[in-house]
Amino acid sequence: MVISNVKKKKKKKKMPADKCKLPAYLPDDPVNWFVAVEANFLIHKVVKPEEKVALVTAYLPAKQLKSVAHLLVPVPVEEGAEPVDVYEVVKKELIAVDRRS
């Protein structure tokens, strides 16, 4: 009989992105809202920019959604070009727009 001292690693279950609930958008403080959002992304292991931007836009009020709607239209990526992280683009735009308001 062979006894092994090697512990099996438990697989970490990935929580589905649809279980990730974000706080209400803070137009007066978008920077801290994104801090809370990204903490939720970390907990729920949301790492794909497409999932991040989908979750963020689902929680935006109409005014903020209108301000970034033009960024959400898919743009063909030229062969060999670096893909654009649409989440980071939307995040920067929201912070800039709400700081001006």
N, C-alpha and C. Protein backbone atom coordinates (compact mmCIF):
# COMPACT_ATOMS: atom_id res chain seq x y z
N MET A 1 0.85 -1.18 0.00
CA MET A 1 0.00 0.00 0.00
C MET A 1 0.89 1.24 0.00
N VAL A 2 0.61 2.16 -0.93
CA VAL A 2 1.38 3.39 -1.06
C VAL A 2 0.56 4.55 -0.51
N ILE A 3 1.17 5.28 0.38
CA ILE A 3 0.51 6.45 0.95
C ILE A 3 1.21 7.68 0.40
N SER A 4 0.43 8.56 -0.13
CA SER A 4 0.99 9.77 -0.73
C SER A 4 0.79 10.96 0.19
N ASN A 5 1.84 11.74 0.33
CA ASN A 5 1.75 12.98 1.12
C ASN A 5 1.40 14.17 0.24
N VAL A 6 1.20 13.91 -1.02
CA VAL A 6 0.90 14.99 -1.96
C VAL A 6 -0.59 15.31 -1.87
N LYS A 7 -0.86 16.57 -1.59
CA LYS A 7 -2.25 17.01 -1.50
C LYS A 7 -2.73 17.39 -2.90
N LYS A 8 -3.92 16.98 -3.20
CA LYS A 8 -4.50 17.36 -4.48
C LYS A 8 -4.96 18.81 -4.39
N LYS A 9 -4.65 19.54 -5.45
CA LYS A 9 -5.10 20.92 -5.49
C LYS A 9 -6.58 20.96 -5.84
N LYS A 10 -7.30 21.73 -5.08
CA LYS A 10 -8.71 21.89 -5.38
C LYS A 10 -8.85 22.91 -6.50
N LYS A 11 -9.68 22.61 -7.45
CA LYS A 11 -9.94 23.55 -8.52
C LYS A 11 -10.79 24.68 -7.97
N LYS A 12 -10.35 25.90 -8.26
CA LYS A 12 -11.14 27.04 -7.85
C LYS A 12 -12.28 27.21 -8.85
N LYS A 13 -13.47 27.28 -8.32
CA LYS A 13 -14.62 27.46 -9.18
C LYS A 13 -14.70 28.91 -9.61
N LYS A 14 -14.93 29.10 -10.88
CA LYS A 14 -15.10 30.45 -11.40
C LYS A 14 -16.55 30.83 -11.22
N MET A 15 -16.77 31.96 -10.59
CA MET A 15 -18.13 32.44 -10.43
C MET A 15 -18.55 33.07 -11.74
N PRO A 16 -19.71 32.74 -12.24
CA PRO A 16 -20.12 33.31 -13.52
C PRO A 16 -20.26 34.82 -13.43
N ALA A 17 -19.91 35.48 -14.52
CA ALA A 17 -19.98 36.94 -14.56
C ALA A 17 -21.40 37.44 -14.29
N ASP A 18 -22.40 36.65 -14.65
CA ASP A 18 -23.77 37.10 -14.43
C ASP A 18 -24.15 37.12 -12.95
N LYS A 19 -23.33 36.55 -12.09
CA LYS A 19 -23.56 36.60 -10.64
C LYS A 19 -22.92 37.84 -10.02
N CYS A 20 -22.16 38.57 -10.80
CA CYS A 20 -21.46 39.76 -10.34
C CYS A 20 -22.44 40.93 -10.29
N LYS A 21 -22.71 41.42 -9.11
CA LYS A 21 -23.63 42.54 -8.93
C LYS A 21 -22.81 43.79 -8.62
N LEU A 22 -23.06 44.84 -9.37
CA LEU A 22 -22.30 46.08 -9.19
C LEU A 22 -23.12 47.09 -8.41
N PRO A 23 -22.44 48.00 -7.71
CA PRO A 23 -23.17 49.04 -6.99
C PRO A 23 -23.78 50.04 -7.97
N ALA A 24 -24.72 50.82 -7.48
CA ALA A 24 -25.32 51.87 -8.31
C ALA A 24 -24.23 52.85 -8.73
N TYR A 25 -24.34 53.33 -9.97
CA TYR A 25 -23.34 54.25 -10.50
C TYR A 25 -23.31 55.55 -9.70
N LEU A 26 -22.11 56.07 -9.48
CA LEU A 26 -21.93 57.32 -8.73
C LEU A 26 -21.44 58.42 -9.68
N PRO A 27 -22.34 59.17 -10.30
CA PRO A 27 -21.90 60.20 -11.25
C PRO A 27 -21.02 61.27 -10.60
N ASP A 28 -21.18 61.48 -9.31
CA ASP A 28 -20.36 62.46 -8.60
C ASP A 28 -18.99 61.92 -8.22
N ASP A 29 -18.81 60.61 -8.31
CA ASP A 29 -17.54 59.99 -7.92
C ASP A 29 -17.26 58.73 -8.74
N PRO A 30 -17.07 58.90 -10.06
CA PRO A 30 -16.86 57.71 -10.90
C PRO A 30 -15.58 56.95 -10.59
N VAL A 31 -14.56 57.63 -10.09
CA VAL A 31 -13.30 56.95 -9.78
C VAL A 31 -13.52 55.91 -8.68
N ASN A 32 -14.17 56.31 -7.60
CA ASN A 32 -14.42 55.36 -6.51
C ASN A 32 -15.44 54.29 -6.91
N TRP A 33 -16.37 54.64 -7.82
CA TRP A 33 -17.30 53.62 -8.31
C TRP A 33 -16.52 52.53 -9.04
N PHE A 34 -15.55 52.92 -9.87
CA PHE A 34 -14.76 51.93 -10.58
C PHE A 34 -13.89 51.11 -9.62
N VAL A 35 -13.46 51.69 -8.52
CA VAL A 35 -12.71 50.92 -7.51
C VAL A 35 -13.60 49.79 -6.98
N ALA A 36 -14.84 50.12 -6.66
CA ALA A 36 -15.79 49.11 -6.16
C ALA A 36 -16.11 48.08 -7.25
N VAL A 37 -16.29 48.54 -8.47
CA VAL A 37 -16.59 47.65 -9.60
C VAL A 37 -15.44 46.65 -9.79
N GLU A 38 -14.22 47.15 -9.78
CA GLU A 38 -13.08 46.28 -10.02
C GLU A 38 -12.84 45.31 -8.86
N ALA A 39 -13.25 45.69 -7.66
CA ALA A 39 -13.20 44.74 -6.54
C ALA A 39 -14.19 43.60 -6.79
N ASN A 40 -15.36 43.92 -7.31
CA ASN A 40 -16.34 42.89 -7.67
C ASN A 40 -15.81 42.00 -8.78
N PHE A 41 -15.14 42.60 -9.76
CA PHE A 41 -14.55 41.81 -10.84
C PHE A 41 -13.52 40.83 -10.29
N LEU A 42 -12.74 41.27 -9.34
CA LEU A 42 -11.72 40.42 -8.73
C LEU A 42 -12.38 39.24 -7.99
N ILE A 43 -13.37 39.53 -7.20
CA ILE A 43 -14.08 38.49 -6.44
C ILE A 43 -14.71 37.46 -7.37
N HIS A 44 -15.31 37.94 -8.45
CA HIS A 44 -16.04 37.05 -9.36
C HIS A 44 -15.19 36.58 -10.54
N LYS A 45 -13.90 36.94 -10.51
CA LYS A 45 -12.96 36.50 -11.55
C LYS A 45 -13.40 36.90 -12.95
N VAL A 46 -13.90 38.12 -13.07
CA VAL A 46 -14.27 38.67 -14.38
C VAL A 46 -13.02 39.31 -14.94
N VAL A 47 -12.46 38.74 -16.00
CA VAL A 47 -11.20 39.24 -16.52
C VAL A 47 -11.26 39.68 -17.98
N LYS A 48 -12.24 39.20 -18.71
CA LYS A 48 -12.33 39.56 -20.12
C LYS A 48 -12.89 40.97 -20.28
N PRO A 49 -12.23 41.81 -21.07
CA PRO A 49 -12.73 43.17 -21.26
C PRO A 49 -14.18 43.21 -21.76
N GLU A 50 -14.56 42.24 -22.59
CA GLU A 50 -15.92 42.21 -23.12
C GLU A 50 -16.95 41.99 -22.00
N GLU A 51 -16.61 41.12 -21.05
CA GLU A 51 -17.51 40.88 -19.92
C GLU A 51 -17.56 42.11 -19.01
N LYS A 52 -16.40 42.72 -18.78
CA LYS A 52 -16.34 43.90 -17.91
C LYS A 52 -17.20 45.02 -18.48
N VAL A 53 -17.04 45.31 -19.76
CA VAL A 53 -17.79 46.43 -20.35
C VAL A 53 -19.27 46.11 -20.41
N ALA A 54 -19.62 44.85 -20.62
CA ALA A 54 -21.04 44.48 -20.64
C ALA A 54 -21.67 44.70 -19.27
N LEU A 55 -20.97 44.30 -18.21
CA LEU A 55 -21.48 44.51 -16.86
C LEU A 55 -21.58 45.99 -16.52
N VAL A 56 -20.54 46.74 -16.83
CA VAL A 56 -20.53 48.18 -16.53
C VAL A 56 -21.68 48.88 -17.24
N THR A 57 -21.83 48.64 -18.53
CA THR A 57 -22.88 49.35 -19.28
C THR A 57 -24.28 48.95 -18.81
N ALA A 58 -24.44 47.75 -18.30
CA ALA A 58 -25.74 47.32 -17.79
C ALA A 58 -26.14 48.11 -16.54
N TYR A 59 -25.17 48.66 -15.83
CA TYR A 59 -25.44 49.39 -14.59
C TYR A 59 -25.40 50.91 -14.76
N LEU A 60 -25.19 51.38 -15.98
CA LEU A 60 -25.09 52.83 -16.19
C LEU A 60 -26.46 53.49 -16.32
N PRO A 61 -26.60 54.68 -15.74
CA PRO A 61 -27.81 55.47 -15.99
C PRO A 61 -27.82 55.91 -17.46
N ALA A 62 -28.98 56.30 -17.94
CA ALA A 62 -29.15 56.66 -19.36
C ALA A 62 -28.17 57.74 -19.82
N LYS A 63 -27.97 58.76 -19.00
CA LYS A 63 -27.09 59.86 -19.39
C LYS A 63 -25.67 59.36 -19.66
N GLN A 64 -25.14 58.55 -18.77
CA GLN A 64 -23.78 58.03 -18.93
C GLN A 64 -23.71 57.02 -20.08
N LEU A 65 -24.75 56.23 -20.23
CA LEU A 65 -24.77 55.27 -21.34
C LEU A 65 -24.72 56.00 -22.68
N LYS A 66 -25.46 57.09 -22.79
CA LYS A 66 -25.44 57.88 -24.02
C LYS A 66 -24.06 58.46 -24.29
N SER A 67 -23.35 58.81 -23.23
CA SER A 67 -22.03 59.43 -23.41
C SER A 67 -20.96 58.45 -23.90
N VAL A 68 -21.20 57.15 -23.73
CA VAL A 68 -20.21 56.15 -24.18
C VAL A 68 -20.75 55.23 -25.27
N ALA A 69 -21.98 55.44 -25.68
CA ALA A 69 -22.61 54.54 -26.66
C ALA A 69 -21.77 54.41 -27.93
N HIS A 70 -21.16 55.49 -28.37
CA HIS A 70 -20.36 55.45 -29.60
C HIS A 70 -19.14 54.53 -29.46
N LEU A 71 -18.72 54.29 -28.24
CA LEU A 71 -17.56 53.41 -28.00
C LEU A 71 -17.94 51.93 -27.99
N LEU A 72 -19.22 51.65 -27.91
CA LEU A 72 -19.69 50.28 -27.78
C LEU A 72 -19.98 49.61 -29.12
N VAL A 73 -19.91 50.38 -30.18
CA VAL A 73 -20.14 49.83 -31.51
C VAL A 73 -18.89 49.08 -31.94
N PRO A 74 -19.02 47.79 -32.28
CA PRO A 74 -17.84 47.02 -32.67
C PRO A 74 -17.14 47.62 -33.89
N VAL A 75 -15.85 47.70 -33.80
CA VAL A 75 -15.03 48.22 -34.90
C VAL A 75 -14.11 47.09 -35.35
N PRO A 76 -14.06 46.84 -36.66
CA PRO A 76 -13.16 45.77 -37.14
C PRO A 76 -11.71 46.09 -36.81
N VAL A 77 -10.98 45.08 -36.35
CA VAL A 77 -9.57 45.25 -36.02
C VAL A 77 -8.76 44.82 -37.24
N GLU A 78 -7.86 45.69 -37.64
CA GLU A 78 -7.01 45.36 -38.79
C GLU A 78 -6.07 44.23 -38.42
N GLU A 79 -5.76 43.42 -39.40
CA GLU A 79 -4.87 42.28 -39.17
C GLU A 79 -3.52 42.78 -38.65
N GLY A 80 -3.07 42.17 -37.58
CA GLY A 80 -1.79 42.52 -36.98
C GLY A 80 -1.87 43.65 -35.98
N ALA A 81 -3.02 44.32 -35.89
CA ALA A 81 -3.17 45.43 -34.95
C ALA A 81 -3.49 44.89 -33.56
N GLU A 82 -3.06 45.64 -32.56
CA GLU A 82 -3.36 45.28 -31.17
C GLU A 82 -4.85 45.49 -30.91
N PRO A 83 -5.51 44.53 -30.28
CA PRO A 83 -6.92 44.73 -29.95
C PRO A 83 -7.06 45.82 -28.88
N VAL A 84 -8.14 46.56 -28.96
CA VAL A 84 -8.40 47.65 -28.02
C VAL A 84 -9.17 47.10 -26.83
N ASP A 85 -8.76 47.48 -25.64
CA ASP A 85 -9.47 47.09 -24.42
C ASP A 85 -10.63 48.06 -24.23
N VAL A 86 -11.79 47.69 -24.74
CA VAL A 86 -12.95 48.57 -24.74
C VAL A 86 -13.37 48.96 -23.33
N TYR A 87 -13.15 48.08 -22.36
CA TYR A 87 -13.49 48.41 -20.97
C TYR A 87 -12.67 49.61 -20.50
N GLU A 88 -11.37 49.59 -20.74
CA GLU A 88 -10.51 50.70 -20.31
C GLU A 88 -10.88 52.01 -21.03
N VAL A 89 -11.25 51.91 -22.29
CA VAL A 89 -11.65 53.09 -23.06
C VAL A 89 -12.94 53.68 -22.47
N VAL A 90 -13.92 52.82 -22.20
CA VAL A 90 -15.18 53.28 -21.62
C VAL A 90 -14.95 53.86 -20.23
N LYS A 91 -14.13 53.21 -19.44
CA LYS A 91 -13.83 53.69 -18.09
C LYS A 91 -13.23 55.10 -18.14
N LYS A 92 -12.24 55.30 -18.98
CA LYS A 92 -11.60 56.62 -19.09
C LYS A 92 -12.59 57.68 -19.55
N GLU A 93 -13.45 57.32 -20.50
CA GLU A 93 -14.44 58.27 -21.01
C GLU A 93 -15.45 58.65 -19.93
N LEU A 94 -15.94 57.69 -19.19
CA LEU A 94 -16.91 57.98 -18.13
C LEU A 94 -16.31 58.88 -17.06
N ILE A 95 -15.10 58.59 -16.67
CA ILE A 95 -14.43 59.41 -15.65
C ILE A 95 -14.25 60.84 -16.18
N ALA A 96 -13.83 60.97 -17.42
CA ALA A 96 -13.63 62.30 -18.01
C ALA A 96 -14.96 63.07 -18.14
N VAL A 97 -15.99 62.41 -18.60
CA VAL A 97 -17.30 63.06 -18.81
C VAL A 97 -17.88 63.51 -17.48
N ASP A 98 -17.86 62.65 -16.48
CA ASP A 98 -18.48 63.01 -15.21
C ASP A 98 -17.62 63.97 -14.39
N ARG A 99 -16.36 64.07 -14.66
CA ARG A 99 -15.55 65.09 -13.99
C ARG A 99 -15.86 66.47 -14.55
N ARG A 100 -16.22 66.52 -15.84
CA ARG A 100 -16.56 67.81 -16.48
C ARG A 100 -17.93 68.31 -16.04
N SER A 101 -18.81 67.38 -15.65
CA SER A 101 -20.20 67.76 -15.30
C SER A 101 -20.26 68.51 -14.00
